Amino acid sequence: MRHASKRGAILGLLAVVALLLAALGLVPRASGAIAQSASSSSSAEKSRTPEIKKFNELADKKIAVTGGAMFDKFALEHIPGLKEENILYFNNNAECVGAVVVGKADTFLTDSPIAELAVSKNEGLTILPEKIMDDKYGFVLPKDSPHTQELNERLKAYKADGTLEKLRQKWTSSDDSKKTMPEQGWNAPKGKLIVATSTDNEPVNYAVEDRTCGLCIEVLEMAARDLGYGIEYRNTNAGSIIAEVQSGKADIGAYSFSITEERKKMMDMTEPYYDGGVAALVRVEGYANGKDENFLDGLAKSFERTFITESRWQLILNGLGVTMLISVASGALGFALGFVFVLLRRRKEGGIADKLIHGLEIVMGGLPVVVVLMVLYYVFFGGIDIPGYIVAILTFSLIFAASSGSIMWNAIQAVDAGQTEAGRALGFGDRDTFFLVVLPQAARQFAPLVVSQFVSLVKDTSVVGFIAVQDLTRVGDIIRSRTMEAFFPLISIAVIYFVLCRFLAWLLNKLAVRKFEPKDGPRTIKGVDL
């Protein structure tokens, strides 16, 4: 069985690597610099013939949008005959770009600077030449926030003196050397503002190594410095920014939020910091992925962009550390709590404690993990300033306690009642009978199942990015947003998860499961020939 398990692990790893190689064949390769100038980008656009020629041809097409944006509503209002089922929602820009590249979607509706950046990094993509609609982007704040008016005054002043236009030119230019942020640590006599953002939205807001940067970030930091506030960022999923603001977890939401009357009814929206527009990203007609690049060159470039550029391997290590912290802490606390559940149920089977614990198991087993996580973070702990990773540990501890406790209880129930009677016949009390006779036999049954459940827990932690925790999966999203290459970073993260889960399963089996296995070797009975 152990040899079969090893063979299965090797085959699984080979399968993941095969997916990586297959994905690499689908990734279009950017030529030249990562970002092109406005003029070179425009000339490149002229030489790219789009598969879809006009905006009104999108009625029967699949349209990709990011969750939390307003492009779905825009599409339904401005594309006659478009059906809601043709709108596909994704977590971030990189996923939308990837969907268009491989044909899962026909177009990606987004902000014009993001579309231009995607085109500069993907030869197989272009933008519909016709102007679709102007748009304005602002910051979001809780309804009737005391910071709205003072922030609006600063934005009006920056627009009047030309500061906003200078920053727009800086962050949308091709010269990355100019895209630097001012030094932090300014005097902040009025305290600190919590800013919810998502660093997957280059050039509006993204991250370089550990520094949050981008157009809206510099505008906001400039305003905060002039007003006497400090800033602390909560990096979360784009679709969770508004929830962070509305729940009181954050004072300001910074992203490319379109200023709409509907949003103004639910929250405060500032004056615009950027006048942009809606762009439709589509495939280039007849483009062949990687046509001028061999496989090894493509592999080397993808590896460099994912791990080496901007020292992104450090970002991955940090994300891996967060994943390990949440997984190990949740596993240890959850197992201990699950065992406490077992002891409580033993005291009086069918009693109140037994029924409450059984009810918890049903609830935790019947709800999606991400729903439980977000309810605890935004509702139960909504008014409490508590780090997201602490909420994640508490959430997954409860989930693991419910599942591991149920597994242990069922295994204990399966031990023959005669074993308990035999223990008592030998003079053991109830406690000793349980711990010395029943539990060791039950452990042989539940140990491998609990280990398997823990490995599933590690994989389930991949959703913590929804509550502003920068784990391994969230780091992968950030890297994909910078490279605009959805496949290699995604498969790389998958390989890391696979290796991590296999290692943890091997380690726990070595330390715990095999301890309860029957010992191999000859068995003899004194005075009897076998």
Protein backbone atom coordinates (compact mmCIF):
# COMPACT_ATOMS: atom_id res chain seq x y z
CA MET A 1 0.00 0.00 0.00
CA ARG A 2 2.84 2.40 0.81
CA HIS A 3 4.51 1.72 -2.54
CA ALA A 4 1.21 2.34 -4.28
CA SER A 5 0.86 5.63 -2.40
CA LYS A 6 4.32 6.71 -3.53
CA ARG A 7 3.54 5.77 -7.11
CA GLY A 8 0.31 7.76 -6.88
CA ALA A 9 2.18 10.81 -5.58
CA ILE A 10 4.71 10.60 -8.42
CA LEU A 11 1.99 10.19 -11.02
CA GLY A 12 0.09 13.11 -9.50
CA LEU A 13 3.15 15.34 -9.65
CA LEU A 14 3.75 14.32 -13.27
CA ALA A 15 0.14 15.17 -14.06
CA VAL A 16 0.52 18.64 -12.57
CA VAL A 17 3.75 19.19 -14.52
CA ALA A 18 1.95 18.04 -17.67
CA LEU A 19 -0.71 20.68 -17.02
CA LEU A 20 2.06 23.24 -16.64
CA LEU A 21 3.60 22.27 -19.97
CA ALA A 22 0.23 22.28 -21.68
CA ALA A 23 -0.57 25.71 -20.26
CA LEU A 24 2.71 27.10 -21.51
CA GLY A 25 1.69 26.22 -25.03
CA LEU A 26 -1.41 28.38 -24.63
CA VAL A 27 0.28 31.48 -23.28
CA PRO A 28 0.82 34.27 -25.77
CA ARG A 29 4.29 35.80 -25.52
CA ALA A 30 4.86 39.50 -25.15
CA SER A 31 7.49 40.92 -27.42
CA GLY A 32 9.81 43.73 -26.44
CA ALA A 33 9.46 45.62 -23.18
CA ILE A 34 6.80 44.86 -20.61
CA ALA A 35 5.07 48.19 -21.15
CA GLN A 36 5.08 50.17 -24.37
CA SER A 37 4.70 53.88 -24.85
CA ALA A 38 1.37 55.35 -25.87
CA SER A 39 2.62 55.97 -29.39
CA SER A 40 4.09 52.50 -29.90
CA SER A 41 1.00 50.96 -28.37
CA SER A 42 -1.16 52.89 -30.81
CA SER A 43 0.91 51.78 -33.80
CA ALA A 44 0.74 48.18 -32.58
CA GLU A 45 -3.02 48.49 -32.34
CA LYS A 46 -3.26 49.48 -36.00
CA SER A 47 -1.48 46.32 -37.07
CA ARG A 48 -3.76 44.04 -35.03
CA THR A 49 -7.05 43.12 -36.64
CA PRO A 50 -9.64 42.16 -33.98
CA GLU A 51 -11.76 39.01 -34.30
CA ILE A 52 -14.77 41.09 -33.30
CA LYS A 53 -15.01 44.30 -35.32
CA LYS A 54 -17.76 46.32 -33.60
CA PHE A 55 -19.18 46.73 -30.12
CA ASN A 56 -22.72 45.87 -31.23
CA GLU A 57 -21.52 42.38 -32.27
CA LEU A 58 -21.15 41.38 -28.60
CA ALA A 59 -24.83 40.51 -28.07
CA ASP A 60 -24.31 36.76 -28.50
CA LYS A 61 -20.74 36.67 -27.10
CA LYS A 62 -19.31 35.65 -23.74
CA ILE A 63 -18.24 38.74 -21.80
CA ALA A 64 -15.70 38.57 -18.96
CA VAL A 65 -15.90 41.08 -16.09
CA THR A 66 -14.32 41.34 -12.65
CA GLY A 67 -16.51 40.86 -9.60
CA GLY A 68 -17.27 44.08 -7.75
CA ALA A 69 -16.99 46.25 -10.89
CA MET A 70 -19.93 47.80 -12.75
CA PHE A 71 -19.14 46.47 -16.22
CA ASP A 72 -21.83 43.78 -16.04
CA LYS A 73 -24.49 46.43 -15.56
CA PHE A 74 -22.92 48.55 -18.29
CA ALA A 75 -22.96 45.62 -20.72
CA LEU A 76 -26.62 44.79 -20.07
CA GLU A 77 -27.61 48.44 -20.55
CA HIS A 78 -25.57 49.14 -23.69
CA ILE A 79 -25.54 45.84 -25.62
CA PRO A 80 -29.05 45.15 -27.04
CA GLY A 81 -30.07 41.50 -26.76
CA LEU A 82 -27.29 40.52 -24.33
CA LYS A 83 -28.38 37.80 -21.89
CA GLU A 84 -27.23 37.72 -18.26
CA GLU A 85 -25.94 34.14 -18.63
CA ASN A 86 -23.41 35.41 -21.19
CA ILE A 87 -21.66 37.49 -18.52
CA LEU A 88 -18.81 35.61 -16.84
CA TYR A 89 -17.52 36.85 -13.47
CA PHE A 90 -13.86 36.46 -12.49
CA ASN A 91 -11.86 37.43 -9.40
CA ASN A 92 -9.29 39.67 -11.07
CA ASN A 93 -8.03 41.16 -14.33
CA ALA A 94 -5.51 38.38 -15.00
CA GLU A 95 -8.26 35.75 -14.94
CA CYS A 96 -10.36 37.82 -17.36
CA VAL A 97 -7.40 38.26 -19.72
CA GLY A 98 -6.65 34.53 -19.53
CA ALA A 99 -10.28 33.70 -20.30
CA VAL A 100 -10.14 35.76 -23.50
CA VAL A 101 -6.77 34.30 -24.50
CA VAL A 102 -7.98 30.67 -24.35
CA GLY A 103 -11.45 31.35 -25.73
CA LYS A 104 -13.48 30.94 -22.54
CA ALA A 105 -14.68 34.50 -23.14
CA ASP A 106 -14.89 36.57 -26.30
CA THR A 107 -14.17 39.94 -24.71
CA PHE A 108 -13.11 41.54 -21.44
CA LEU A 109 -14.83 44.80 -20.53
CA THR A 110 -12.56 46.89 -18.33
CA ASP A 111 -11.03 50.30 -17.72
CA SER A 112 -9.04 51.68 -20.64
CA PRO A 113 -5.63 51.85 -18.84
CA ILE A 114 -5.91 48.19 -17.78
CA ALA A 115 -6.86 47.12 -21.31
CA GLU A 116 -3.92 49.04 -22.78
CA LEU A 117 -1.55 47.37 -20.33
CA ALA A 118 -2.91 43.91 -21.20
CA VAL A 119 -2.39 44.59 -24.93
CA SER A 120 1.21 45.69 -24.32
CA LYS A 121 1.90 42.32 -22.66
CA ASN A 122 -0.04 40.06 -25.05
CA GLU A 123 0.50 40.06 -28.81
CA GLY A 124 -2.70 38.06 -29.29
CA LEU A 125 -4.97 40.75 -27.83
CA THR A 126 -6.21 44.11 -29.04
CA ILE A 127 -8.83 46.73 -28.16
CA LEU A 128 -11.92 47.54 -30.17
CA PRO A 129 -11.04 50.85 -31.84
CA GLU A 130 -14.43 52.49 -31.38
CA LYS A 131 -14.91 54.59 -28.26
CA ILE A 132 -17.47 52.88 -26.05
CA MET A 133 -18.10 55.19 -23.11
CA ASP A 134 -16.35 57.73 -20.90
CA ASP A 135 -15.99 56.90 -17.23
CA LYS A 136 -14.76 58.51 -14.03
CA TYR A 137 -13.05 56.72 -11.14
CA GLY A 138 -13.26 57.71 -7.49
CA PHE A 139 -12.65 56.41 -3.97
CA VAL A 140 -15.40 54.79 -1.90
CA LEU A 141 -16.09 55.56 1.77
CA PRO A 142 -18.79 54.56 4.29
CA LYS A 143 -22.02 56.52 4.00
CA ASP A 144 -21.70 60.01 5.57
CA SER A 145 -18.03 59.49 6.31
CA PRO A 146 -16.29 62.47 7.98
CA HIS A 147 -13.40 62.03 5.54
CA THR A 148 -15.42 62.47 2.34
CA GLN A 149 -15.56 66.26 2.26
CA GLU A 150 -11.89 66.84 3.12
CA LEU A 151 -10.78 64.26 0.57
CA ASN A 152 -12.98 65.88 -2.09
CA GLU A 153 -11.40 69.27 -1.38
CA ARG A 154 -7.93 67.84 -1.95
CA LEU A 155 -8.97 66.10 -5.19
CA LYS A 156 -10.49 69.32 -6.54
CA ALA A 157 -7.29 71.18 -5.73
CA TYR A 158 -5.13 68.51 -7.39
CA LYS A 159 -7.26 68.69 -10.52
CA ALA A 160 -7.12 72.49 -10.63
CA ASP A 161 -3.33 72.71 -10.33
CA GLY A 162 -2.68 69.91 -12.84
CA THR A 163 -1.40 67.36 -10.31
CA LEU A 164 -3.90 64.65 -11.34
CA GLU A 165 -2.95 65.00 -14.99
CA LYS A 166 0.76 64.75 -14.18
CA LEU A 167 0.16 61.59 -12.15
CA ARG A 168 -1.96 60.11 -14.95
CA GLN A 169 0.85 60.63 -17.43
CA LYS A 170 3.39 59.19 -15.00
CA TRP A 171 1.54 55.94 -14.29
CA THR A 172 0.33 55.27 -17.84
CA SER A 173 3.71 55.92 -19.48
CA SER A 174 6.12 53.29 -20.77
CA ASP A 175 8.96 54.40 -18.49
CA ASP A 176 8.79 52.13 -15.44
CA SER A 177 11.75 53.94 -13.86
CA LYS A 178 9.50 56.96 -13.27
CA LYS A 179 6.83 54.89 -11.53
CA THR A 180 8.13 55.34 -8.01
CA MET A 181 6.19 56.14 -4.87
CA PRO A 182 7.09 58.91 -2.42
CA GLU A 183 8.71 57.90 0.86
CA GLN A 184 6.32 56.82 3.60
CA GLY A 185 6.53 57.77 7.27
CA TRP A 186 5.23 61.36 7.06
CA ASN A 187 3.85 63.16 10.11
CA ALA A 188 0.29 61.98 10.85
CA PRO A 189 -1.17 63.97 13.78
CA LYS A 190 -4.77 62.95 12.90
CA GLY A 191 -4.14 59.21 13.15
CA LYS A 192 -4.27 56.42 10.60
CA LEU A 193 -6.71 55.63 7.79
CA ILE A 194 -7.38 51.98 6.92
CA VAL A 195 -7.45 51.60 3.13
CA ALA A 196 -8.87 48.49 1.47
CA THR A 197 -7.34 47.84 -1.93
CA SER A 198 -6.42 45.03 -4.30
CA THR A 199 -2.97 44.97 -5.84
CA ASP A 200 -4.06 43.30 -9.07
CA ASN A 201 -5.07 46.37 -11.01
CA GLU A 202 -1.95 47.76 -12.72
CA PRO A 203 -1.43 50.69 -13.37
CA VAL A 204 -4.19 51.99 -11.06
CA ASN A 205 -3.15 50.02 -7.99
CA TYR A 206 -0.67 47.16 -7.76
CA ALA A 207 2.40 46.08 -5.79
CA VAL A 208 6.12 46.06 -6.48
CA GLU A 209 7.80 43.76 -3.95
CA ASP A 210 6.25 44.90 -0.63
CA ARG A 211 5.22 48.41 -1.73
CA THR A 212 1.64 49.16 -2.70
CA CYS A 213 1.74 51.60 -5.61
CA GLY A 214 -0.16 52.90 -8.61
CA LEU A 215 -2.09 55.96 -9.74
CA CYS A 216 -4.89 55.95 -7.17
CA ILE A 217 -2.49 54.93 -4.39
CA GLU A 218 -0.19 57.90 -4.97
CA VAL A 219 -3.16 60.27 -5.19
CA LEU A 220 -4.51 58.92 -1.90
CA GLU A 221 -1.16 59.05 -0.11
CA MET A 222 -0.63 62.62 -1.29
CA ALA A 223 -4.05 63.62 0.08
CA ALA A 224 -3.48 61.77 3.37
CA ARG A 225 -0.11 63.47 3.86
CA ASP A 226 -1.57 66.93 3.15
CA LEU A 227 -4.48 66.26 5.54
CA GLY A 228 -2.29 64.86 8.32
CA TYR A 229 -3.30 61.18 8.17
CA GLY A 230 -1.23 58.03 7.99
CA ILE A 231 -2.29 55.02 5.88
CA GLU A 232 -2.48 51.30 6.52
CA TYR A 233 -3.41 49.03 3.61
CA ARG A 234 -5.61 45.95 3.67
CA ASN A 235 -4.83 43.99 0.52
CA THR A 236 -7.90 41.94 -0.36
CA ASN A 237 -9.82 40.50 -3.29
CA ALA A 238 -11.24 43.20 -5.58
CA GLY A 239 -14.77 41.97 -4.99
CA SER A 240 -14.34 42.33 -1.21
CA ILE A 241 -13.22 45.98 -1.11
CA ILE A 242 -16.73 47.43 -0.87
CA ALA A 243 -17.64 44.89 1.83
CA GLU A 244 -14.56 46.01 3.79
CA VAL A 245 -15.74 49.62 3.60
CA GLN A 246 -19.42 48.98 4.34
CA SER A 247 -18.62 46.73 7.31
CA GLY A 248 -16.36 49.36 8.86
CA LYS A 249 -13.19 47.30 8.42
CA ALA A 250 -11.74 50.05 6.21
CA ASP A 251 -12.13 53.84 6.07
CA ILE A 252 -11.54 54.09 2.31
CA GLY A 253 -11.71 51.74 -0.67
CA ALA A 254 -9.10 52.42 -3.37
CA TYR A 255 -9.61 50.86 -6.79
CA SER A 256 -10.84 51.87 -10.25
CA PHE A 257 -14.40 52.31 -8.97
CA SER A 258 -16.76 53.89 -11.48
CA ILE A 259 -18.72 56.76 -9.97
CA THR A 260 -22.41 55.83 -10.31
CA GLU A 261 -25.66 57.05 -8.75
CA GLU A 262 -26.42 53.53 -7.52
CA ARG A 263 -23.17 53.38 -5.55
CA LYS A 264 -23.77 56.86 -4.14
CA LYS A 265 -26.98 55.55 -2.54
CA MET A 266 -25.08 52.86 -0.64
CA MET A 267 -21.85 54.70 0.21
CA ASP A 268 -19.96 57.92 -0.29
CA MET A 269 -18.02 58.38 -3.52
CA THR A 270 -15.42 61.09 -3.97
CA GLU A 271 -14.72 63.45 -6.80
CA PRO A 272 -12.95 61.65 -9.65
CA TYR A 273 -9.21 61.14 -9.47
CA TYR A 274 -9.13 59.86 -13.08
CA ASP A 275 -11.25 60.43 -16.16
CA GLY A 276 -11.13 57.20 -18.11
CA GLY A 277 -13.41 55.05 -20.15
CA VAL A 278 -14.65 51.56 -20.94
CA ALA A 279 -12.59 49.39 -23.28
CA ALA A 280 -13.37 46.02 -24.87
CA LEU A 281 -10.39 43.66 -25.01
CA VAL A 282 -10.66 41.01 -27.76
CA ARG A 283 -8.46 38.45 -29.52
CA VAL A 284 -6.43 39.27 -32.63
CA GLU A 285 -7.75 37.61 -35.77
CA GLY A 286 -5.67 34.59 -36.79
CA TYR A 287 -3.11 35.00 -34.01
CA ALA A 288 -1.04 31.87 -33.23
CA ASN A 289 0.20 31.66 -29.64
CA GLY A 290 3.95 31.73 -29.26
CA LYS A 291 4.54 31.64 -33.01
CA ASP A 292 7.98 33.28 -32.83
CA GLU A 293 9.22 31.63 -29.67
CA ASN A 294 10.36 28.10 -28.94
CA PHE A 295 9.22 26.15 -25.89
CA LEU A 296 12.39 26.49 -23.80
CA ASP A 297 12.60 30.25 -24.36
CA GLY A 298 8.96 30.58 -23.33
CA LEU A 299 9.52 28.47 -20.23
CA ALA A 300 12.56 30.52 -19.20
CA LYS A 301 10.77 33.83 -19.69
CA SER A 302 7.68 32.68 -17.80
CA PHE A 303 9.83 31.43 -14.93
CA GLU A 304 11.74 34.70 -14.80
CA ARG A 305 8.58 36.84 -14.80
CA THR A 306 6.92 34.71 -12.12
CA PHE A 307 9.82 34.14 -9.71
CA ILE A 308 12.80 36.41 -10.47
CA THR A 309 11.46 39.79 -11.63
CA GLU A 310 10.98 42.18 -8.68
CA SER A 311 12.14 39.31 -6.39
CA ARG A 312 8.69 37.73 -6.61
CA TRP A 313 10.01 34.51 -5.10
CA GLN A 314 10.10 36.38 -1.79
CA LEU A 315 6.43 37.24 -2.21
CA ILE A 316 5.70 33.56 -2.83
CA LEU A 317 7.69 32.52 0.27
CA ASN A 318 5.78 35.03 2.39
CA GLY A 319 2.46 33.75 1.05
CA LEU A 320 3.54 30.17 1.71
CA GLY A 321 4.42 31.14 5.28
CA VAL A 322 0.96 32.63 5.83
CA THR A 323 -0.69 29.50 4.40
CA MET A 324 1.40 27.30 6.70
CA LEU A 325 0.65 29.45 9.74
CA ILE A 326 -3.11 29.36 9.18
CA SER A 327 -3.11 25.64 8.30
CA VAL A 328 -0.95 24.41 11.20
CA ALA A 329 -2.58 26.66 13.81
CA SER A 330 -6.08 25.75 12.61
CA GLY A 331 -5.21 22.06 12.48
CA ALA A 332 -3.79 21.99 16.01
CA LEU A 333 -6.58 24.07 17.57
CA GLY A 334 -9.27 22.30 15.57
CA PHE A 335 -8.05 18.82 16.53
CA ALA A 336 -7.86 19.78 20.21
CA LEU A 337 -11.36 21.27 20.10
CA GLY A 338 -12.66 18.25 18.18
CA PHE A 339 -11.33 15.94 20.92
CA VAL A 340 -13.02 18.13 23.54
CA PHE A 341 -16.25 17.63 21.58
CA VAL A 342 -15.74 13.86 21.83
CA LEU A 343 -15.25 14.04 25.62
CA LEU A 344 -18.37 16.18 26.00
CA ARG A 345 -20.45 13.76 23.93
CA ARG A 346 -19.24 10.82 26.03
CA ARG A 347 -20.54 12.36 29.21
CA LYS A 348 -24.13 12.09 28.10
CA GLU A 349 -24.93 10.77 24.67
CA GLY A 350 -28.09 12.45 23.39
CA GLY A 351 -27.76 15.32 25.86
CA ILE A 352 -27.67 19.06 25.13
CA ALA A 353 -23.92 19.11 24.43
CA ASP A 354 -24.24 16.16 22.07
CA LYS A 355 -27.06 17.84 20.15
CA LEU A 356 -25.28 21.22 19.94
CA ILE A 357 -22.06 19.61 18.65
CA HIS A 358 -24.00 17.54 16.14
CA GLY A 359 -25.75 20.71 14.99
CA LEU A 360 -22.39 22.46 14.54
CA GLU A 361 -21.18 19.54 12.42
CA ILE A 362 -24.26 19.82 10.20
CA VAL A 363 -23.89 23.59 9.77
CA MET A 364 -20.15 23.49 9.03
CA GLY A 365 -20.58 20.55 6.69
CA GLY A 366 -23.44 22.19 4.80
CA LEU A 367 -21.98 25.65 4.15
CA PRO A 368 -19.26 26.65 1.68
CA VAL A 369 -16.02 27.50 3.45
CA VAL A 370 -15.79 30.95 1.87
CA VAL A 371 -19.30 31.84 3.09
CA VAL A 372 -18.47 30.86 6.69
CA LEU A 373 -15.23 32.82 6.48
CA MET A 374 -16.84 36.00 5.17
CA VAL A 375 -19.79 35.84 7.58
CA LEU A 376 -17.43 35.61 10.55
CA TYR A 377 -15.15 38.36 9.25
CA TYR A 378 -17.70 40.90 7.97
CA VAL A 379 -20.69 40.17 10.21
CA PHE A 380 -19.69 38.45 13.46
CA PHE A 381 -16.40 40.37 13.82
CA GLY A 382 -17.57 43.29 11.66
CA GLY A 383 -17.24 45.93 14.37
CA ILE A 384 -14.01 44.58 15.82
CA ASP A 385 -10.56 45.54 14.56
CA ILE A 386 -9.10 42.05 14.30
CA PRO A 387 -6.51 40.86 11.74
CA GLY A 388 -7.85 38.73 8.93
CA TYR A 389 -5.46 35.86 9.60
CA ILE A 390 -6.79 35.54 13.18
CA VAL A 391 -10.35 35.27 11.86
CA ALA A 392 -9.10 32.73 9.32
CA ILE A 393 -7.51 30.61 12.06
CA LEU A 394 -10.69 30.75 14.18
CA THR A 395 -12.86 29.86 11.17
CA PHE A 396 -10.80 26.90 10.01
CA SER A 397 -10.35 25.72 13.61
CA LEU A 398 -14.13 25.48 13.95
CA ILE A 399 -14.47 23.76 10.59
CA PHE A 400 -11.71 21.26 11.38
CA ALA A 401 -13.04 20.69 14.90
CA ALA A 402 -16.45 19.78 13.47
CA SER A 403 -15.05 17.38 10.87
CA SER A 404 -12.29 15.78 12.95
CA GLY A 405 -14.55 15.52 16.01
CA SER A 406 -17.17 13.72 13.91
CA ILE A 407 -14.56 11.33 12.52
CA MET A 408 -13.19 10.53 15.98
CA TRP A 409 -16.65 10.07 17.48
CA ASN A 410 -17.76 7.67 14.76
CA ALA A 411 -14.56 5.65 15.13
CA ILE A 412 -15.02 5.43 18.91
CA GLN A 413 -18.63 4.37 18.45
CA ALA A 414 -17.45 1.61 16.12
CA VAL A 415 -15.27 -0.03 18.79
CA ASP A 416 -17.05 -3.14 20.02
CA ALA A 417 -18.85 -2.64 23.36
CA GLY A 418 -17.17 -5.83 24.57
CA GLN A 419 -13.87 -3.95 24.71
CA THR A 420 -15.32 -1.57 27.28
CA GLU A 421 -16.72 -4.45 29.28
CA ALA A 422 -13.37 -6.25 29.16
CA GLY A 423 -11.57 -3.15 30.45
CA ARG A 424 -13.94 -2.80 33.35
CA ALA A 425 -13.65 -6.52 34.10
CA LEU A 426 -9.89 -5.98 34.47
CA GLY A 427 -10.57 -3.34 37.10
CA PHE A 428 -10.18 -0.21 34.98
CA GLY A 429 -12.39 2.76 35.73
CA ASP A 430 -14.37 4.54 33.02
CA ARG A 431 -11.57 7.02 32.28
CA ASP A 432 -8.82 4.40 32.07
CA THR A 433 -11.00 2.09 30.00
CA PHE A 434 -11.56 4.86 27.46
CA PHE A 435 -7.97 6.08 27.21
CA LEU A 436 -6.17 2.73 27.52
CA VAL A 437 -8.56 0.35 25.75
CA VAL A 438 -11.09 2.10 23.51
CA LEU A 439 -9.19 5.15 22.24
CA PRO A 440 -6.08 3.31 20.96
CA GLN A 441 -8.27 0.96 18.91
CA ALA A 442 -10.36 3.83 17.56
CA ALA A 443 -7.21 5.81 16.71
CA ARG A 444 -6.22 3.12 14.18
CA GLN A 445 -9.40 3.96 12.31
CA PHE A 446 -9.62 7.73 12.64
CA ALA A 447 -5.92 8.74 12.38
CA PRO A 448 -5.59 8.37 8.57
CA LEU A 449 -8.98 9.99 8.04
CA VAL A 450 -8.06 12.99 10.21
CA VAL A 451 -4.78 13.38 8.31
CA SER A 452 -6.70 13.36 5.03
CA GLN A 453 -9.10 15.94 6.44
CA PHE A 454 -6.17 18.15 7.48
CA VAL A 455 -4.73 18.05 3.95
CA SER A 456 -8.14 19.16 2.66
CA LEU A 457 -8.05 21.96 5.23
CA VAL A 458 -4.74 23.21 3.79
CA LYS A 459 -6.31 23.43 0.34
CA ASP A 460 -9.43 25.12 1.72
CA THR A 461 -7.34 27.96 3.17
CA SER A 462 -6.84 29.20 -0.40
CA VAL A 463 -9.97 31.36 0.01
CA VAL A 464 -8.56 33.60 2.77
CA GLY A 465 -7.70 36.26 0.18
CA PHE A 466 -11.37 37.27 0.37
CA ILE A 467 -10.74 38.75 3.85
CA ALA A 468 -7.52 40.65 3.13
CA VAL A 469 -5.06 37.86 3.96
CA GLN A 470 -2.11 37.56 1.59
CA ASP A 471 -1.69 33.79 1.43
CA LEU A 472 -0.14 31.65 -1.31
CA THR A 473 -3.17 31.81 -3.62
CA ARG A 474 -3.54 35.56 -3.17
CA VAL A 475 0.15 36.02 -3.98
CA GLY A 476 -0.41 34.06 -7.18
CA ASP A 477 -3.22 36.46 -8.10
CA ILE A 478 -0.95 39.44 -7.50
CA ILE A 479 1.81 37.98 -9.68
CA ARG A 480 -0.65 37.17 -12.47
CA SER A 481 -1.95 40.73 -12.36
CA ARG A 482 1.59 42.02 -12.90
CA THR A 483 2.60 39.62 -15.66
CA MET A 484 -0.83 39.42 -17.34
CA GLU A 485 0.10 35.77 -17.85
CA ALA A 486 -2.59 33.71 -16.20
CA PHE A 487 -1.29 30.20 -16.75
CA PHE A 488 2.32 29.83 -15.60
CA PRO A 489 1.83 31.59 -12.21
CA LEU A 490 -1.39 29.64 -11.64
CA ILE A 491 0.14 26.25 -12.40
CA SER A 492 3.27 27.16 -10.41
CA ILE A 493 1.10 27.84 -7.35
CA ALA A 494 -0.73 24.54 -8.01
CA VAL A 495 2.61 22.68 -8.01
CA ILE A 496 3.60 24.33 -4.71
CA TYR A 497 0.26 23.35 -3.13
CA PHE A 498 0.64 19.80 -4.41
CA VAL A 499 4.16 19.41 -2.99
CA LEU A 500 3.12 21.04 0.31
CA CYS A 501 0.09 18.79 0.76
CA ARG A 502 2.05 15.64 -0.12
CA PHE A 503 4.80 16.60 2.33
CA LEU A 504 2.35 17.29 5.16
CA ALA A 505 0.51 14.02 4.47
CA TRP A 506 3.81 12.10 4.51
CA LEU A 507 4.98 13.81 7.70
CA LEU A 508 1.73 13.24 9.59
CA ASN A 509 1.52 9.64 8.45
CA LYS A 510 5.09 9.14 9.65
CA LEU A 511 4.52 10.78 13.03
CA ALA A 512 0.95 9.78 13.84
CA VAL A 513 -0.76 7.21 11.63
CA ARG A 514 1.95 4.54 11.63
CA LYS A 515 2.18 4.76 15.40
CA PHE A 516 -1.22 3.09 15.60
CA GLU A 517 -0.66 0.48 12.91
CA PRO A 518 -0.36 -3.15 14.04
CA LYS A 519 3.28 -4.14 14.23
CA ASP A 520 4.54 -6.42 11.46
CA GLY A 521 6.40 -9.60 12.30
CA PRO A 522 5.82 -13.17 13.46
CA ARG A 523 3.34 -13.75 16.24
CA THR A 524 3.51 -16.67 18.64
CA ILE A 525 1.34 -18.02 21.39
CA LYS A 526 3.21 -19.67 24.22
CA GLY A 527 2.80 -23.44 24.16
CA VAL A 528 1.13 -23.49 20.76
CA ASP A 529 2.74 -24.39 17.45
CA LEU A 530 1.49 -22.19 14.55
